[in-house]
Amino acid sequence: MTTAVAPALWGTTYLVTTELLPDGRPLLAGTLRALPAGLLLIAVVATLAGRRALPTGAWWWRAAVLGFLNIGLFFALLFVAAYRLPGGIAAVLGALGPFVVAAIAFALLDQRPAVRVLLAGAAGLAGVALLVLRSDAALDPLGLAAAAAGMVSMSFGTVLGRRWGTPTGLPDRRTALLALTGWQLTVGGLLLAPVMLLVEGPPPALTWTNLGGFGYLSLVGTAGAYFLWFRGVTALAPARVTLLGLLSPVVAALLGWLVLDQSLSPGQLLGATAVLAAVVLGTRTPTPAPAASAASAAAVRVPATIGR
């Protein structure tokens, strides 16, 4: 499933941030991840579809709402949580996302989550806890509130994205997805920029290493990843999509082991295995039940070419 590539790419963010970006500038990182990527995607859509690169009708406020929930507010709350909580606590709270998304989807879309998906979410939550949680983790109330609010913000954005689908009037679905992704990233970047200047001040002088890191995060980890994510959000059941987000801490832990020479305990390996099993269980498409009998199969004859 190509949607799974998105959280896998997000799992590289920790490595790139710690090794390539300037220290102590998370809002700068969020702004430079979102805004250039959004403007680039809008420029691509303008090349493909002319004036239709900009929203029309209800999509002006829909893009603003989605950009606020999925990018602007989410990145800002992520920044607060990152400063006030160990990464393990934030990851565990994020792993509650499938349950929150399932509840919101039931309320807004009347979609009842399958028991299989809920069980997979529980297994994934336990796996993430084993993978990243430490016994000495500090529980800062403001950090906890920010991490929880960020998870809820992204959950609402996921469900609303599924409800609203893709904008119409564009040449094809891929162009519509490029436009939808570009609008949200641009809105989020424009919301983050003044907050970044107020909290962190003007950007420092950037080295070539910094520019390379920002370039990767903007083009690959944001433009490419969010395009794939919103593609899944607008096509798949929200709870199933959110389960894929559990892959992010797994990739981050594996990269820490491979690149940064960080050790992985047997408990962490067990947690990673549980997460992968949960993702497979929760996102696979159920196999249709076979026909009850030859008589019932013959009752309705369907040409073999239909649905292929």
C-alpha atoms as a PDB file:
ATOM      1  CA  MET A   1       0.000   0.000   0.000  1.00  0.00           C
ATOM      2  CA  THR A   2       1.599   3.252  -1.145  1.00  0.00           C
ATOM      3  CA  THR A   3       0.035   5.212   1.733  1.00  0.00           C
ATOM      4  CA  ALA A   4       2.399   3.362   4.101  1.00  0.00           C
ATOM      5  CA  VAL A   5       5.347   5.128   2.450  1.00  0.00           C
ATOM      6  CA  ALA A   6       4.225   8.422   4.043  1.00  0.00           C
ATOM      7  CA  PRO A   7       4.677   7.462   7.728  1.00  0.00           C
ATOM      8  CA  ALA A   8       7.852   5.589   6.790  1.00  0.00           C
ATOM      9  CA  LEU A   9       9.234   8.849   5.372  1.00  0.00           C
ATOM     10  CA  TRP A  10       8.068  10.739   8.474  1.00  0.00           C
ATOM     11  CA  GLY A  11      10.090   8.258  10.499  1.00  0.00           C
ATOM     12  CA  THR A  12      13.258   9.701   8.926  1.00  0.00           C
ATOM     13  CA  THR A  13      12.480  13.173  10.332  1.00  0.00           C
ATOM     14  CA  TYR A  14      14.189  12.589  13.691  1.00  0.00           C
ATOM     15  CA  LEU A  15      17.445  11.494  12.049  1.00  0.00           C
ATOM     16  CA  VAL A  16      17.465  14.379   9.577  1.00  0.00           C
ATOM     17  CA  THR A  17      16.552  16.911  12.276  1.00  0.00           C
ATOM     18  CA  THR A  18      19.237  15.838  14.728  1.00  0.00           C
ATOM     19  CA  GLU A  19      22.004  15.395  12.156  1.00  0.00           C
ATOM     20  CA  LEU A  20      21.365  18.055   9.504  1.00  0.00           C
ATOM     21  CA  LEU A  21      19.224  20.913  10.874  1.00  0.00           C
ATOM     22  CA  PRO A  22      20.158  23.815  13.193  1.00  0.00           C
ATOM     23  CA  ASP A  23      19.571  23.094  16.879  1.00  0.00           C
ATOM     24  CA  GLY A  24      16.577  24.468  18.767  1.00  0.00           C
ATOM     25  CA  ARG A  25      14.561  25.724  15.772  1.00  0.00           C
ATOM     26  CA  PRO A  26      11.601  23.323  15.455  1.00  0.00           C
ATOM     27  CA  LEU A  27       9.152  26.002  14.265  1.00  0.00           C
ATOM     28  CA  LEU A  28      11.628  27.065  11.592  1.00  0.00           C
ATOM     29  CA  ALA A  29      11.833  23.412  10.573  1.00  0.00           C
ATOM     30  CA  GLY A  30       8.042  23.167  10.444  1.00  0.00           C
ATOM     31  CA  THR A  31       7.690  26.355   8.418  1.00  0.00           C
ATOM     32  CA  LEU A  32      10.396  25.435   5.912  1.00  0.00           C
ATOM     33  CA  ARG A  33       8.954  21.944   5.611  1.00  0.00           C
ATOM     34  CA  ALA A  34       5.446  23.136   4.810  1.00  0.00           C
ATOM     35  CA  LEU A  35       5.533  26.457   2.969  1.00  0.00           C
ATOM     36  CA  PRO A  36       8.076  25.760   0.166  1.00  0.00           C
ATOM     37  CA  ALA A  37       6.548  22.328  -0.427  1.00  0.00           C
ATOM     38  CA  GLY A  38       3.044  23.796  -0.660  1.00  0.00           C
ATOM     39  CA  LEU A  39       4.052  26.574  -3.045  1.00  0.00           C
ATOM     40  CA  LEU A  40       5.954  24.088  -5.219  1.00  0.00           C
ATOM     41  CA  LEU A  41       2.933  21.797  -5.517  1.00  0.00           C
ATOM     42  CA  ILE A  42       0.640  24.711  -6.356  1.00  0.00           C
ATOM     43  CA  ALA A  43       3.109  25.763  -9.071  1.00  0.00           C
ATOM     44  CA  VAL A  44       3.039  22.227 -10.497  1.00  0.00           C
ATOM     45  CA  VAL A  45      -0.765  22.261 -10.528  1.00  0.00           C
ATOM     46  CA  ALA A  46      -0.720  25.695 -12.204  1.00  0.00           C
ATOM     47  CA  THR A  47       1.412  24.210 -14.953  1.00  0.00           C
ATOM     48  CA  LEU A  48      -1.018  21.327 -15.374  1.00  0.00           C
ATOM     49  CA  ALA A  49      -4.337  23.097 -14.860  1.00  0.00           C
ATOM     50  CA  GLY A  50      -3.787  26.863 -15.132  1.00  0.00           C
ATOM     51  CA  ARG A  51      -5.997  29.030 -12.889  1.00  0.00           C
ATOM     52  CA  ARG A  52      -7.634  25.983 -11.367  1.00  0.00           C
ATOM     53  CA  ALA A  53      -4.512  25.619  -9.205  1.00  0.00           C
ATOM     54  CA  LEU A  54      -6.279  27.861  -6.688  1.00  0.00           C
ATOM     55  CA  PRO A  55      -9.299  26.711  -4.663  1.00  0.00           C
ATOM     56  CA  THR A  56     -12.802  27.540  -5.823  1.00  0.00           C
ATOM     57  CA  GLY A  57     -16.094  27.748  -3.957  1.00  0.00           C
ATOM     58  CA  ALA A  58     -16.234  25.773  -0.715  1.00  0.00           C
ATOM     59  CA  TRP A  59     -12.665  24.612  -1.168  1.00  0.00           C
ATOM     60  CA  TRP A  60     -11.349  27.981   0.035  1.00  0.00           C
ATOM     61  CA  TRP A  61     -12.573  27.347   3.559  1.00  0.00           C
ATOM     62  CA  ARG A  62     -12.149  23.578   3.389  1.00  0.00           C
ATOM     63  CA  ALA A  63      -8.471  23.951   2.446  1.00  0.00           C
ATOM     64  CA  ALA A  64      -8.049  26.482   5.257  1.00  0.00           C
ATOM     65  CA  VAL A  65      -9.622  24.126   7.815  1.00  0.00           C
ATOM     66  CA  LEU A  66      -7.603  21.115   6.660  1.00  0.00           C
ATOM     67  CA  GLY A  67      -4.387  23.121   6.472  1.00  0.00           C
ATOM     68  CA  PHE A  68      -4.985  24.412   9.993  1.00  0.00           C
ATOM     69  CA  LEU A  69      -5.757  20.965  11.460  1.00  0.00           C
ATOM     70  CA  ASN A  70      -3.251  18.812   9.567  1.00  0.00           C
ATOM     71  CA  ILE A  71      -0.312  21.226   9.296  1.00  0.00           C
ATOM     72  CA  GLY A  72      -0.483  24.563  11.121  1.00  0.00           C
ATOM     73  CA  LEU A  73      -1.987  23.550  14.466  1.00  0.00           C
ATOM     74  CA  PHE A  74      -0.525  20.035  14.372  1.00  0.00           C
ATOM     75  CA  PHE A  75       3.058  21.223  13.779  1.00  0.00           C
ATOM     76  CA  ALA A  76       2.767  23.916  16.481  1.00  0.00           C
ATOM     77  CA  LEU A  77       1.460  21.440  19.074  1.00  0.00           C
ATOM     78  CA  LEU A  78       4.126  18.963  18.012  1.00  0.00           C
ATOM     79  CA  PHE A  79       6.706  21.660  18.767  1.00  0.00           C
ATOM     80  CA  VAL A  80       5.364  22.176  22.311  1.00  0.00           C
ATOM     81  CA  ALA A  81       5.222  18.429  22.969  1.00  0.00           C
ATOM     82  CA  ALA A  82       8.744  17.889  21.612  1.00  0.00           C
ATOM     83  CA  TYR A  83      10.175  20.451  24.015  1.00  0.00           C
ATOM     84  CA  ARG A  84       8.280  19.316  27.101  1.00  0.00           C
ATOM     85  CA  LEU A  85       7.996  15.536  26.700  1.00  0.00           C
ATOM     86  CA  PRO A  86      10.298  12.622  25.908  1.00  0.00           C
ATOM     87  CA  GLY A  87       9.674  11.344  22.400  1.00  0.00           C
ATOM     88  CA  GLY A  88       8.365   8.045  23.762  1.00  0.00           C
ATOM     89  CA  ILE A  89       5.430   9.636  25.598  1.00  0.00           C
ATOM     90  CA  ALA A  90       4.457  11.674  22.528  1.00  0.00           C
ATOM     91  CA  ALA A  91       4.662   8.548  20.331  1.00  0.00           C
ATOM     92  CA  VAL A  92       2.405   6.563  22.655  1.00  0.00           C
ATOM     93  CA  LEU A  93      -0.183   9.352  22.687  1.00  0.00           C
ATOM     94  CA  GLY A  94       0.029   9.474  18.898  1.00  0.00           C
ATOM     95  CA  ALA A  95      -0.625   5.735  18.808  1.00  0.00           C
ATOM     96  CA  LEU A  96      -4.042   6.418  20.328  1.00  0.00           C
ATOM     97  CA  GLY A  97      -4.954   8.046  16.997  1.00  0.00           C
ATOM     98  CA  PRO A  98      -6.724   5.006  15.472  1.00  0.00           C
ATOM     99  CA  PHE A  99      -9.220   4.961  18.357  1.00  0.00           C
ATOM    100  CA  VAL A 100      -9.862   8.707  18.189  1.00  0.00           C
ATOM    101  CA  VAL A 101     -10.239   8.569  14.414  1.00  0.00           C
ATOM    102  CA  ALA A 102     -12.633   5.621  14.723  1.00  0.00           C
ATOM    103  CA  ALA A 103     -14.791   7.577  17.182  1.00  0.00           C
ATOM    104  CA  ILE A 104     -14.822  10.729  15.018  1.00  0.00           C
ATOM    105  CA  ALA A 105     -15.526   8.712  11.856  1.00  0.00           C
ATOM    106  CA  PHE A 106     -18.457   7.021  13.594  1.00  0.00           C
ATOM    107  CA  ALA A 107     -19.853  10.422  14.647  1.00  0.00           C
ATOM    108  CA  LEU A 108     -19.305  12.293  11.359  1.00  0.00           C
ATOM    109  CA  LEU A 109     -19.351   9.553   8.712  1.00  0.00           C
ATOM    110  CA  ASP A 110     -21.493   6.908  10.439  1.00  0.00           C
ATOM    111  CA  GLN A 111     -18.668   4.412   9.863  1.00  0.00           C
ATOM    112  CA  ARG A 112     -18.558   1.707  12.515  1.00  0.00           C
ATOM    113  CA  PRO A 113     -14.979   0.423  12.897  1.00  0.00           C
ATOM    114  CA  ALA A 114     -14.391  -3.283  12.431  1.00  0.00           C
ATOM    115  CA  VAL A 115     -13.411  -5.231  15.538  1.00  0.00           C
ATOM    116  CA  ARG A 116     -10.297  -6.333  13.658  1.00  0.00           C
ATOM    117  CA  VAL A 117      -9.180  -2.716  13.239  1.00  0.00           C
ATOM    118  CA  LEU A 118      -9.739  -1.937  16.931  1.00  0.00           C
ATOM    119  CA  LEU A 119      -7.790  -5.020  17.980  1.00  0.00           C
ATOM    120  CA  ALA A 120      -4.991  -4.015  15.621  1.00  0.00           C
ATOM    121  CA  GLY A 121      -4.997  -0.526  17.136  1.00  0.00           C
ATOM    122  CA  ALA A 122      -4.657  -1.992  20.640  1.00  0.00           C
ATOM    123  CA  ALA A 123      -1.796  -4.244  19.539  1.00  0.00           C
ATOM    124  CA  GLY A 124      -0.117  -1.322  17.798  1.00  0.00           C
ATOM    125  CA  LEU A 125      -0.447   0.872  20.873  1.00  0.00           C
ATOM    126  CA  ALA A 126       1.191  -1.822  23.013  1.00  0.00           C
ATOM    127  CA  GLY A 127       3.924  -2.262  20.409  1.00  0.00           C
ATOM    128  CA  VAL A 128       4.720   1.446  20.279  1.00  0.00           C
ATOM    129  CA  ALA A 129       4.859   1.554  24.085  1.00  0.00           C
ATOM    130  CA  LEU A 130       7.355  -1.314  24.125  1.00  0.00           C
ATOM    131  CA  LEU A 131       9.366   0.293  21.357  1.00  0.00           C
ATOM    132  CA  VAL A 132       9.790   3.830  22.685  1.00  0.00           C
ATOM    133  CA  LEU A 133       8.559   4.159  26.276  1.00  0.00           C
ATOM    134  CA  ARG A 134      11.055   4.413  29.137  1.00  0.00           C
ATOM    135  CA  SER A 135      10.343   3.897  32.823  1.00  0.00           C
ATOM    136  CA  ASP A 136      11.958   7.249  33.726  1.00  0.00           C
ATOM    137  CA  ALA A 137       9.850   9.279  31.265  1.00  0.00           C
ATOM    138  CA  ALA A 138       8.689  12.608  32.726  1.00  0.00           C
ATOM    139  CA  LEU A 139       4.990  13.489  32.518  1.00  0.00           C
ATOM    140  CA  ASP A 140       4.757  17.241  31.973  1.00  0.00           C
ATOM    141  CA  PRO A 141       1.056  18.301  32.024  1.00  0.00           C
ATOM    142  CA  LEU A 142       1.388  20.976  29.325  1.00  0.00           C
ATOM    143  CA  GLY A 143       3.400  18.655  27.111  1.00  0.00           C
ATOM    144  CA  LEU A 144       0.834  15.894  27.556  1.00  0.00           C
ATOM    145  CA  ALA A 145      -1.991  18.282  26.674  1.00  0.00           C
ATOM    146  CA  ALA A 146      -0.138  19.490  23.564  1.00  0.00           C
ATOM    147  CA  ALA A 147       0.643  15.960  22.361  1.00  0.00           C
ATOM    148  CA  ALA A 148      -2.949  14.847  22.925  1.00  0.00           C
ATOM    149  CA  ALA A 149      -4.374  17.941  21.213  1.00  0.00           C
ATOM    150  CA  GLY A 150      -2.049  17.432  18.254  1.00  0.00           C
ATOM    151  CA  MET A 151      -3.229  13.852  17.878  1.00  0.00           C
ATOM    152  CA  VAL A 152      -6.882  14.980  18.021  1.00  0.00           C
ATOM    153  CA  SER A 153      -6.202  17.769  15.500  1.00  0.00           C
ATOM    154  CA  MET A 154      -4.685  15.349  12.990  1.00  0.00           C
ATOM    155  CA  SER A 155      -7.519  12.870  13.643  1.00  0.00           C
ATOM    156  CA  PHE A 156     -10.175  15.469  12.818  1.00  0.00           C
ATOM    157  CA  GLY A 157      -8.223  16.444   9.715  1.00  0.00           C
ATOM    158  CA  THR A 158      -8.074  12.804   8.613  1.00  0.00           C
ATOM    159  CA  VAL A 159     -11.824  12.261   8.980  1.00  0.00           C
ATOM    160  CA  LEU A 160     -12.768  15.573   7.345  1.00  0.00           C
ATOM    161  CA  GLY A 161     -10.383  14.802   4.493  1.00  0.00           C
ATOM    162  CA  ARG A 162     -12.219  11.525   3.929  1.00  0.00           C
ATOM    163  CA  ARG A 163     -15.621  13.257   4.136  1.00  0.00           C
ATOM    164  CA  TRP A 164     -14.762  16.036   1.670  1.00  0.00           C
ATOM    165  CA  GLY A 165     -12.697  13.978  -0.759  1.00  0.00           C
ATOM    166  CA  THR A 166     -10.812  15.750  -3.546  1.00  0.00           C
ATOM    167  CA  PRO A 167     -11.660  19.022  -5.326  1.00  0.00           C
ATOM    168  CA  THR A 168     -13.516  18.821  -8.623  1.00  0.00           C
ATOM    169  CA  GLY A 169     -12.854  20.639 -11.870  1.00  0.00           C
ATOM    170  CA  LEU A 170      -9.235  19.501 -12.228  1.00  0.00           C
ATOM    171  CA  PRO A 171      -7.995  17.301 -15.093  1.00  0.00           C
ATOM    172  CA  ASP A 172      -7.649  14.079 -13.056  1.00  0.00           C
ATOM    173  CA  ARG A 173      -7.477  12.688  -9.526  1.00  0.00           C
ATOM    174  CA  ARG A 174      -3.698  12.978  -9.287  1.00  0.00           C
ATOM    175  CA  THR A 175      -3.789  16.676 -10.146  1.00  0.00           C
ATOM    176  CA  ALA A 176      -6.606  17.181  -7.643  1.00  0.00           C
ATOM    177  CA  LEU A 177      -4.523  15.468  -4.946  1.00  0.00           C
ATOM    178  CA  LEU A 178      -1.514  17.630  -5.784  1.00  0.00           C
ATOM    179  CA  ALA A 179      -3.703  20.714  -5.442  1.00  0.00           C
ATOM    180  CA  LEU A 180      -5.271  19.524  -2.179  1.00  0.00           C
ATOM    181  CA  THR A 181      -1.851  18.771  -0.691  1.00  0.00           C
ATOM    182  CA  GLY A 182      -0.383  22.068  -1.888  1.00  0.00           C
ATOM    183  CA  TRP A 183      -3.251  24.116  -0.451  1.00  0.00           C
ATOM    184  CA  GLN A 184      -2.983  22.510   2.970  1.00  0.00           C
ATOM    185  CA  LEU A 185       0.798  22.820   3.174  1.00  0.00           C
ATOM    186  CA  THR A 186       0.683  26.465   2.071  1.00  0.00           C
ATOM    187  CA  VAL A 187      -2.015  27.354   4.620  1.00  0.00           C
ATOM    188  CA  GLY A 188      -0.107  25.540   7.352  1.00  0.00           C
ATOM    189  CA  GLY A 189       3.173  27.219   6.431  1.00  0.00           C
ATOM    190  CA  LEU A 190       1.584  30.671   6.363  1.00  0.00           C
ATOM    191  CA  LEU A 191       0.104  30.056   9.821  1.00  0.00           C
ATOM    192  CA  LEU A 192       3.417  28.812  11.215  1.00  0.00           C
ATOM    193  CA  ALA A 193       5.630  31.586   9.802  1.00  0.00           C
ATOM    194  CA  PRO A 194       4.505  34.442  12.121  1.00  0.00           C
ATOM    195  CA  VAL A 195       4.514  32.112  15.143  1.00  0.00           C
ATOM    196  CA  MET A 196       8.052  31.059  14.244  1.00  0.00           C
ATOM    197  CA  LEU A 197       9.240  34.673  13.998  1.00  0.00           C
ATOM    198  CA  LEU A 198       7.559  35.583  17.291  1.00  0.00           C
ATOM    199  CA  VAL A 199       8.866  32.601  19.268  1.00  0.00           C
ATOM    200  CA  GLU A 200      12.242  31.867  17.674  1.00  0.00           C
ATOM    201  CA  GLY A 201      13.153  35.125  15.969  1.00  0.00           C
ATOM    202  CA  PRO A 202      14.655  35.514  12.482  1.00  0.00           C
ATOM    203  CA  PRO A 203      16.247  32.398  10.953  1.00  0.00           C
ATOM    204  CA  PRO A 204      19.988  31.928  11.541  1.00  0.00           C
ATOM    205  CA  ALA A 205      22.551  31.680   8.759  1.00  0.00           C
ATOM    206  CA  LEU A 206      22.069  28.266   7.194  1.00  0.00           C
ATOM    207  CA  THR A 207      24.905  25.972   6.143  1.00  0.00           C
ATOM    208  CA  TRP A 208      24.850  23.761   3.071  1.00  0.00           C
ATOM    209  CA  THR A 209      24.175  20.837   5.414  1.00  0.00           C
ATOM    210  CA  ASN A 210      21.157  22.669   6.849  1.00  0.00           C
ATOM    211  CA  LEU A 211      19.874  23.479   3.373  1.00  0.00           C
ATOM    212  CA  GLY A 212      20.240  19.850   2.318  1.00  0.00           C
ATOM    213  CA  GLY A 213      18.283  18.714   5.369  1.00  0.00           C
ATOM    214  CA  PHE A 214      15.521  21.253   4.801  1.00  0.00           C
ATOM    215  CA  GLY A 215      15.429  20.343   1.118  1.00  0.00           C
ATOM    216  CA  TYR A 216      14.936  16.656   1.932  1.00  0.00           C
ATOM    217  CA  LEU A 217      12.258  17.343   4.546  1.00  0.00           C
ATOM    218  CA  SER A 218      10.382  19.739   2.280  1.00  0.00           C
ATOM    219  CA  LEU A 219      10.491  17.777  -0.976  1.00  0.00           C
ATOM    220  CA  VAL A 220      10.522  14.164   0.203  1.00  0.00           C
ATOM    221  CA  GLY A 221       9.340  14.137   3.817  1.00  0.00           C
ATOM    222  CA  THR A 222       6.567  16.686   3.279  1.00  0.00           C
ATOM    223  CA  ALA A 223       5.509  17.254  -0.362  1.00  0.00           C
ATOM    224  CA  GLY A 224       5.909  13.600  -1.346  1.00  0.00           C
ATOM    225  CA  ALA A 225       4.815  12.092   1.958  1.00  0.00           C
ATOM    226  CA  TYR A 226       1.723  14.240   2.429  1.00  0.00           C
ATOM    227  CA  PHE A 227       0.666  13.690  -1.181  1.00  0.00           C
ATOM    228  CA  LEU A 228       0.680   9.928  -0.525  1.00  0.00           C
ATOM    229  CA  TRP A 229      -0.996  10.400   2.868  1.00  0.00           C
ATOM    230  CA  PHE A 230      -3.856  12.540   1.566  1.00  0.00           C
ATOM    231  CA  ARG A 231      -4.250  10.103  -1.324  1.00  0.00           C
ATOM    232  CA  GLY A 232      -4.940   7.396   1.239  1.00  0.00           C
ATOM    233  CA  VAL A 233      -7.060   9.662   3.452  1.00  0.00           C
ATOM    234  CA  THR A 234      -9.456  10.485   0.615  1.00  0.00           C
ATOM    235  CA  ALA A 235      -9.804   6.867  -0.527  1.00  0.00           C
ATOM    236  CA  LEU A 236      -9.576   4.563   2.495  1.00  0.00           C
ATOM    237  CA  ALA A 237     -11.445   4.165   5.770  1.00  0.00           C
ATOM    238  CA  PRO A 238      -9.975   6.698   8.247  1.00  0.00           C
ATOM    239  CA  ALA A 239      -9.190   4.156  10.987  1.00  0.00           C
ATOM    240  CA  ARG A 240      -7.271   1.965   8.545  1.00  0.00           C
ATOM    241  CA  VAL A 241      -5.232   4.911   7.291  1.00  0.00           C
ATOM    242  CA  THR A 242      -4.368   6.060  10.796  1.00  0.00           C
ATOM    243  CA  LEU A 243      -3.031   2.614  11.693  1.00  0.00           C
ATOM    244  CA  LEU A 244      -0.327   3.132   9.080  1.00  0.00           C
ATOM    245  CA  GLY A 245       0.950   6.087  11.106  1.00  0.00           C
ATOM    246  CA  LEU A 246       2.263   3.549  13.650  1.00  0.00           C
ATOM    247  CA  LEU A 247       5.066   2.763  11.192  1.00  0.00           C
ATOM    248  CA  SER A 248       6.741   6.119  11.874  1.00  0.00           C
ATOM    249  CA  PRO A 249       8.284   5.295  15.303  1.00  0.00           C
ATOM    250  CA  VAL A 250       9.363   1.888  13.973  1.00  0.00           C
ATOM    251  CA  VAL A 251      11.318   3.482  11.128  1.00  0.00           C
ATOM    252  CA  ALA A 252      12.770   6.098  13.491  1.00  0.00           C
ATOM    253  CA  ALA A 253      13.990   3.377  15.883  1.00  0.00           C
ATOM    254  CA  LEU A 254      15.465   1.276  13.076  1.00  0.00           C
ATOM    255  CA  LEU A 255      17.321   4.263  11.623  1.00  0.00           C
ATOM    256  CA  GLY A 256      18.664   5.096  15.070  1.00  0.00           C
ATOM    257  CA  TRP A 257      20.014   1.545  15.264  1.00  0.00           C
ATOM    258  CA  LEU A 258      21.430   1.473  11.719  1.00  0.00           C
ATOM    259  CA  VAL A 259      22.831   5.009  11.420  1.00  0.00           C
ATOM    260  CA  LEU A 260      23.306   6.364  14.937  1.00  0.00           C
ATOM    261  CA  ASP A 261      24.492   3.085  16.486  1.00  0.00           C
ATOM    262  CA  GLN A 262      21.679   3.090  19.043  1.00  0.00           C
ATOM    263  CA  SER A 263      20.948  -0.256  20.666  1.00  0.00           C
ATOM    264  CA  LEU A 264      17.610  -2.068  20.460  1.00  0.00           C
ATOM    265  CA  SER A 265      16.572  -4.202  23.420  1.00  0.00           C
ATOM    266  CA  PRO A 266      14.601  -7.463  23.054  1.00  0.00           C
ATOM    267  CA  GLY A 267      11.534  -5.578  24.322  1.00  0.00           C
ATOM    268  CA  GLN A 268      11.928  -2.941  21.606  1.00  0.00           C
ATOM    269  CA  LEU A 269      12.284  -5.618  18.940  1.00  0.00           C
ATOM    270  CA  LEU A 270       9.123  -7.252  20.264  1.00  0.00           C
ATOM    271  CA  GLY A 271       7.364  -3.880  20.130  1.00  0.00           C
ATOM    272  CA  ALA A 272       8.437  -3.282  16.529  1.00  0.00           C
ATOM    273  CA  THR A 273       7.180  -6.745  15.573  1.00  0.00           C
ATOM    274  CA  ALA A 274       3.848  -6.077  17.293  1.00  0.00           C
ATOM    275  CA  VAL A 275       3.442  -2.780  15.424  1.00  0.00           C
ATOM    276  CA  LEU A 276       4.144  -4.380  12.053  1.00  0.00           C
ATOM    277  CA  ALA A 277       1.705  -7.211  12.802  1.00  0.00           C
ATOM    278  CA  ALA A 278      -0.941  -4.692  13.873  1.00  0.00           C
ATOM    279  CA  VAL A 279      -0.546  -2.706  10.652  1.00  0.00           C
ATOM    280  CA  VAL A 280      -0.885  -5.853   8.532  1.00  0.00           C
ATOM    281  CA  LEU A 281      -3.908  -7.058  10.520  1.00  0.00           C
ATOM    282  CA  GLY A 282      -5.694  -3.725  10.531  1.00  0.00           C
ATOM    283  CA  THR A 283      -5.138  -2.624   6.941  1.00  0.00           C
ATOM    284  CA  ARG A 284      -5.505  -5.805   4.931  1.00  0.00           C
ATOM    285  CA  THR A 285      -8.629  -6.164   2.813  1.00  0.00           C
ATOM    286  CA  PRO A 286     -10.881  -8.971   4.112  1.00  0.00           C
ATOM    287  CA  THR A 287     -11.281 -11.934   1.774  1.00  0.00           C
ATOM    288  CA  PRO A 288     -14.877 -12.257   0.551  1.00  0.00           C
ATOM    289  CA  ALA A 289     -16.695 -15.288   1.922  1.00  0.00           C
ATOM    290  CA  PRO A 290     -17.036 -18.147  -0.616  1.00  0.00           C
ATOM    291  CA  ALA A 291     -20.420 -18.992  -2.060  1.00  0.00           C
ATOM    292  CA  ALA A 292     -22.528 -21.135   0.237  1.00  0.00           C
ATOM    293  CA  SER A 293     -23.187 -23.762  -2.418  1.00  0.00           C
ATOM    294  CA  ALA A 294     -23.007 -24.449  -6.111  1.00  0.00           C
ATOM    295  CA  ALA A 295     -26.739 -23.779  -6.351  1.00  0.00           C
ATOM    296  CA  SER A 296     -26.431 -20.296  -4.881  1.00  0.00           C
ATOM    297  CA  ALA A 297     -23.473 -19.576  -7.128  1.00  0.00           C
ATOM    298  CA  ALA A 298     -25.517 -20.561 -10.168  1.00  0.00           C
ATOM    299  CA  ALA A 299     -28.482 -18.461  -9.089  1.00  0.00           C
ATOM    300  CA  VAL A 300     -26.763 -15.242 -10.113  1.00  0.00           C
ATOM    301  CA  ARG A 301     -24.466 -15.608 -13.095  1.00  0.00           C
ATOM    302  CA  VAL A 302     -21.927 -12.823 -13.497  1.00  0.00           C
ATOM    303  CA  PRO A 303     -19.562 -12.618 -16.462  1.00  0.00           C
ATOM    304  CA  ALA A 304     -15.986 -13.430 -15.381  1.00  0.00           C
ATOM    305  CA  THR A 305     -14.624 -10.208 -16.829  1.00  0.00           C
ATOM    306  CA  ILE A 306     -16.626  -7.901 -14.552  1.00  0.00           C
ATOM    307  CA  GLY A 307     -14.532  -6.200 -11.865  1.00  0.00           C
ATOM    308  CA  ARG A 308     -11.177  -7.286 -13.306  1.00  0.00           C
END
